[in-house]
Amino acid sequence: MQHHAMPPDLALADHPKTYSDPELKEYADEQAEDILESIVQYMPLALPVMAAILIFMLAFIAVFMA
């Protein structure tokens, strides 16, 4: 028996050519948004805040262990 699955590069394509569910096609075409594109606008604020939290956590661990 021969395996008939699609190769991974086609199975994981950004925009498949066929959909088994019309609602899935509508969602994928209109509603789906790249996660990275949705959070890039918050990076100038999020990165320094997370870095500050990390520094304080490391300082707390150093003081606690001393």
C-alpha atoms as a PDB file:
ATOM      1  CA  MET A   1       0.000   0.000   0.000  1.00  0.00           C
ATOM      2  CA  GLN A   2       1.415   3.349  -1.031  1.00  0.00           C
ATOM      3  CA  HIS A   3       1.275   6.470   1.116  1.00  0.00           C
ATOM      4  CA  HIS A   4      -0.663   9.345  -0.522  1.00  0.00           C
ATOM      5  CA  ALA A   5      -0.108  12.215   1.935  1.00  0.00           C
ATOM      6  CA  MET A   6       1.000  15.601   0.699  1.00  0.00           C
ATOM      7  CA  PRO A   7       4.629  16.595   1.231  1.00  0.00           C
ATOM      8  CA  PRO A   8       5.136  18.821   4.305  1.00  0.00           C
ATOM      9  CA  ASP A   9       5.967  21.936   2.287  1.00  0.00           C
ATOM     10  CA  LEU A  10       2.640  21.685   0.459  1.00  0.00           C
ATOM     11  CA  ALA A  11       0.620  20.575   3.473  1.00  0.00           C
ATOM     12  CA  LEU A  12       1.835  23.552   5.503  1.00  0.00           C
ATOM     13  CA  ALA A  13       1.514  26.115   2.706  1.00  0.00           C
ATOM     14  CA  ASP A  14       0.312  29.604   3.661  1.00  0.00           C
ATOM     15  CA  HIS A  15      -2.718  29.509   1.382  1.00  0.00           C
ATOM     16  CA  PRO A  16      -3.963  26.037   0.477  1.00  0.00           C
ATOM     17  CA  LYS A  17      -5.717  25.829  -2.869  1.00  0.00           C
ATOM     18  CA  THR A  18      -8.649  23.768  -1.582  1.00  0.00           C
ATOM     19  CA  TYR A  19     -10.588  23.745   1.675  1.00  0.00           C
ATOM     20  CA  SER A  20     -12.917  21.003   2.863  1.00  0.00           C
ATOM     21  CA  ASP A  21     -14.996  23.505   4.837  1.00  0.00           C
ATOM     22  CA  PRO A  22     -16.224  26.754   3.224  1.00  0.00           C
ATOM     23  CA  GLU A  23     -16.315  28.482   6.627  1.00  0.00           C
ATOM     24  CA  LEU A  24     -12.635  27.631   7.130  1.00  0.00           C
ATOM     25  CA  LYS A  25     -11.813  29.225   3.779  1.00  0.00           C
ATOM     26  CA  GLU A  26     -13.727  32.371   4.739  1.00  0.00           C
ATOM     27  CA  TYR A  27     -11.945  32.524   8.106  1.00  0.00           C
ATOM     28  CA  ALA A  28      -8.537  31.900   6.590  1.00  0.00           C
ATOM     29  CA  ASP A  29      -9.010  34.485   3.868  1.00  0.00           C
ATOM     30  CA  GLU A  30     -10.617  37.280   5.881  1.00  0.00           C
ATOM     31  CA  GLN A  31     -10.020  36.861   9.612  1.00  0.00           C
ATOM     32  CA  ALA A  32      -6.701  35.107  10.073  1.00  0.00           C
ATOM     33  CA  GLU A  33      -3.815  37.459  10.793  1.00  0.00           C
ATOM     34  CA  ASP A  34      -0.166  36.702  11.216  1.00  0.00           C
ATOM     35  CA  ILE A  35       0.553  36.636  14.947  1.00  0.00           C
ATOM     36  CA  LEU A  36       3.883  38.378  14.544  1.00  0.00           C
ATOM     37  CA  GLU A  37       2.335  41.246  12.610  1.00  0.00           C
ATOM     38  CA  SER A  38      -0.192  41.778  15.389  1.00  0.00           C
ATOM     39  CA  ILE A  39       2.413  42.080  18.172  1.00  0.00           C
ATOM     40  CA  VAL A  40       5.227  43.926  16.392  1.00  0.00           C
ATOM     41  CA  GLN A  41       3.661  47.282  17.270  1.00  0.00           C
ATOM     42  CA  TYR A  42       4.001  46.473  20.993  1.00  0.00           C
ATOM     43  CA  MET A  43       7.678  45.442  20.863  1.00  0.00           C
ATOM     44  CA  PRO A  44       9.186  48.883  21.624  1.00  0.00           C
ATOM     45  CA  LEU A  45       7.282  48.871  24.912  1.00  0.00           C
ATOM     46  CA  ALA A  46       7.242  45.152  25.726  1.00  0.00           C
ATOM     47  CA  LEU A  47      10.959  44.422  25.312  1.00  0.00           C
ATOM     48  CA  PRO A  48      12.253  47.053  27.789  1.00  0.00           C
ATOM     49  CA  VAL A  49       9.548  46.160  30.316  1.00  0.00           C
ATOM     50  CA  MET A  50      10.369  42.452  30.117  1.00  0.00           C
ATOM     51  CA  ALA A  51      14.104  43.205  30.331  1.00  0.00           C
ATOM     52  CA  ALA A  52      13.551  45.275  33.482  1.00  0.00           C
ATOM     53  CA  ILE A  53      11.487  42.497  35.048  1.00  0.00           C
ATOM     54  CA  LEU A  54      14.218  39.979  34.192  1.00  0.00           C
ATOM     55  CA  ILE A  55      16.937  42.182  35.740  1.00  0.00           C
ATOM     56  CA  PHE A  56      14.939  42.594  38.965  1.00  0.00           C
ATOM     57  CA  MET A  57      14.265  38.864  39.132  1.00  0.00           C
ATOM     58  CA  LEU A  58      17.960  38.070  38.685  1.00  0.00           C
ATOM     59  CA  ALA A  59      18.901  40.648  41.336  1.00  0.00           C
ATOM     60  CA  PHE A  60      16.339  39.155  43.734  1.00  0.00           C
ATOM     61  CA  ILE A  61      17.763  35.666  43.185  1.00  0.00           C
ATOM     62  CA  ALA A  62      21.314  36.970  43.771  1.00  0.00           C
ATOM     63  CA  VAL A  63      20.331  38.715  47.026  1.00  0.00           C
ATOM     64  CA  PHE A  64      18.295  35.741  48.198  1.00  0.00           C
ATOM     65  CA  MET A  65      21.157  33.287  47.530  1.00  0.00           C
ATOM     66  CA  ALA A  66      23.733  35.526  49.258  1.00  0.00           C
END
